[in-house]
Amino acid sequence: MTYQKIYFVEKHYEMENNGKSQEWISSRGDLDLDFPSLPYLIDEESGIKMTDPYAIATYLATAYDKELQGFTLQEKAIVDMCQNELKIKRK
């Protein structure tokens, strides 16, 4: 979103020594998310609320910069491969 100069609010939650965030635990029910987890995206313009990081990345690229999804079949395959590589690294 910074790349496209789109205004957004980035929310950070303070983590405690036990790896949990009481702030997140107490506020997640108020966000009306289908699957409350971090990270999450609430796009007030479209009304979309999402929590899966890869679905969020795909949504943002599709909604705000279709070029990031690739144009050709080969480019789209490279985007998919990169996303899957990130999933592996995250585990």
Protein backbone atom coordinates (compact mmCIF):
# COMPACT_ATOMS: atom_id res chain seq x y z
CA MET A 1 0.00 0.00 0.00
CA THR A 2 2.96 2.27 0.65
CA TYR A 3 4.19 1.36 -2.85
CA GLN A 4 0.92 2.68 -4.32
CA LYS A 5 0.79 5.64 -1.88
CA ILE A 6 -2.53 4.44 -0.46
CA TYR A 7 -3.43 5.70 2.99
CA PHE A 8 -3.67 2.98 5.63
CA VAL A 9 -3.44 2.54 9.38
CA GLU A 10 -0.99 -0.05 10.64
CA LYS A 11 -2.00 -1.38 14.05
CA HIS A 12 0.59 -2.97 16.34
CA TYR A 13 -0.24 -5.01 19.43
CA GLU A 14 2.09 -5.10 22.42
CA MET A 15 3.31 -8.64 23.11
CA GLU A 16 3.89 -9.85 26.64
CA ASN A 17 6.69 -12.15 27.83
CA ASN A 18 4.43 -15.19 27.39
CA GLY A 19 4.08 -14.42 23.65
CA LYS A 20 0.47 -13.28 23.97
CA SER A 21 -1.15 -9.89 23.63
CA GLN A 22 -3.93 -9.02 26.04
CA GLU A 23 -4.75 -6.02 23.88
CA TRP A 24 -5.32 -8.29 20.85
CA ILE A 25 -7.22 -10.89 22.87
CA SER A 26 -9.59 -8.27 24.28
CA SER A 27 -10.17 -6.40 21.00
CA ARG A 28 -10.35 -9.15 18.35
CA GLY A 29 -14.05 -9.83 18.99
CA ASP A 30 -14.89 -6.19 18.25
CA LEU A 31 -13.41 -6.34 14.73
CA ASP A 32 -16.15 -8.59 13.28
CA LEU A 33 -13.63 -10.85 11.52
CA ASP A 34 -14.75 -14.29 10.30
CA PHE A 35 -11.50 -15.88 11.52
CA PRO A 36 -9.89 -13.48 14.04
CA SER A 37 -6.12 -13.76 13.73
CA LEU A 38 -3.08 -11.70 12.90
CA PRO A 39 -2.40 -10.19 10.46
CA TYR A 40 -5.76 -8.81 9.41
CA LEU A 41 -7.00 -6.32 6.85
CA ILE A 42 -10.11 -4.18 7.03
CA ASP A 43 -10.69 -2.28 3.79
CA GLU A 44 -13.29 0.29 4.78
CA GLU A 45 -13.80 1.39 1.18
CA SER A 46 -14.89 -2.06 -0.04
CA GLY A 47 -16.06 -3.51 3.27
CA ILE A 48 -13.66 -6.48 2.92
CA LYS A 49 -12.34 -8.01 6.16
CA MET A 50 -9.61 -10.64 5.84
CA THR A 51 -7.12 -12.47 8.05
CA ASP A 52 -5.04 -14.83 5.87
CA PRO A 53 -1.72 -13.12 4.95
CA TYR A 54 -1.59 -14.67 1.47
CA ALA A 55 -5.22 -13.88 0.71
CA ILE A 56 -4.54 -10.33 1.91
CA ALA A 57 -1.53 -10.00 -0.41
CA THR A 58 -3.52 -11.31 -3.37
CA TYR A 59 -6.46 -9.03 -2.60
CA LEU A 60 -4.26 -5.93 -2.30
CA ALA A 61 -2.42 -6.69 -5.54
CA THR A 62 -5.69 -7.33 -7.37
CA ALA A 63 -7.51 -4.33 -5.93
CA TYR A 64 -4.72 -1.75 -6.12
CA ASP A 65 -2.07 -2.86 -8.63
CA LYS A 66 -2.98 -5.67 -11.01
CA GLU A 67 0.58 -5.58 -12.37
CA LEU A 68 1.74 -7.21 -9.12
CA GLN A 69 -0.32 -10.31 -10.03
CA GLY A 70 1.42 -10.70 -13.39
CA PHE A 71 -0.11 -10.45 -16.85
CA THR A 72 1.04 -13.58 -18.61
CA LEU A 73 0.59 -17.14 -17.45
CA GLN A 74 4.34 -17.31 -16.77
CA GLU A 75 4.29 -14.13 -14.65
CA LYS A 76 1.29 -15.41 -12.67
CA ALA A 77 3.10 -18.71 -12.06
CA ILE A 78 6.14 -16.83 -10.74
CA VAL A 79 3.92 -14.80 -8.39
CA ASP A 80 2.33 -18.04 -7.11
CA MET A 81 5.76 -19.63 -6.66
CA CYS A 82 7.00 -16.63 -4.67
CA GLN A 83 3.92 -16.67 -2.43
CA ASN A 84 4.35 -20.38 -1.76
CA GLU A 85 8.02 -19.82 -0.94
CA LEU A 86 6.97 -17.24 1.64
CA LYS A 87 4.56 -19.77 3.19
CA ILE A 88 7.42 -22.26 3.56
CA LYS A 89 9.73 -19.65 5.14
CA ARG A 90 7.00 -18.55 7.58
CA LYS A 91 6.67 -22.02 9.14
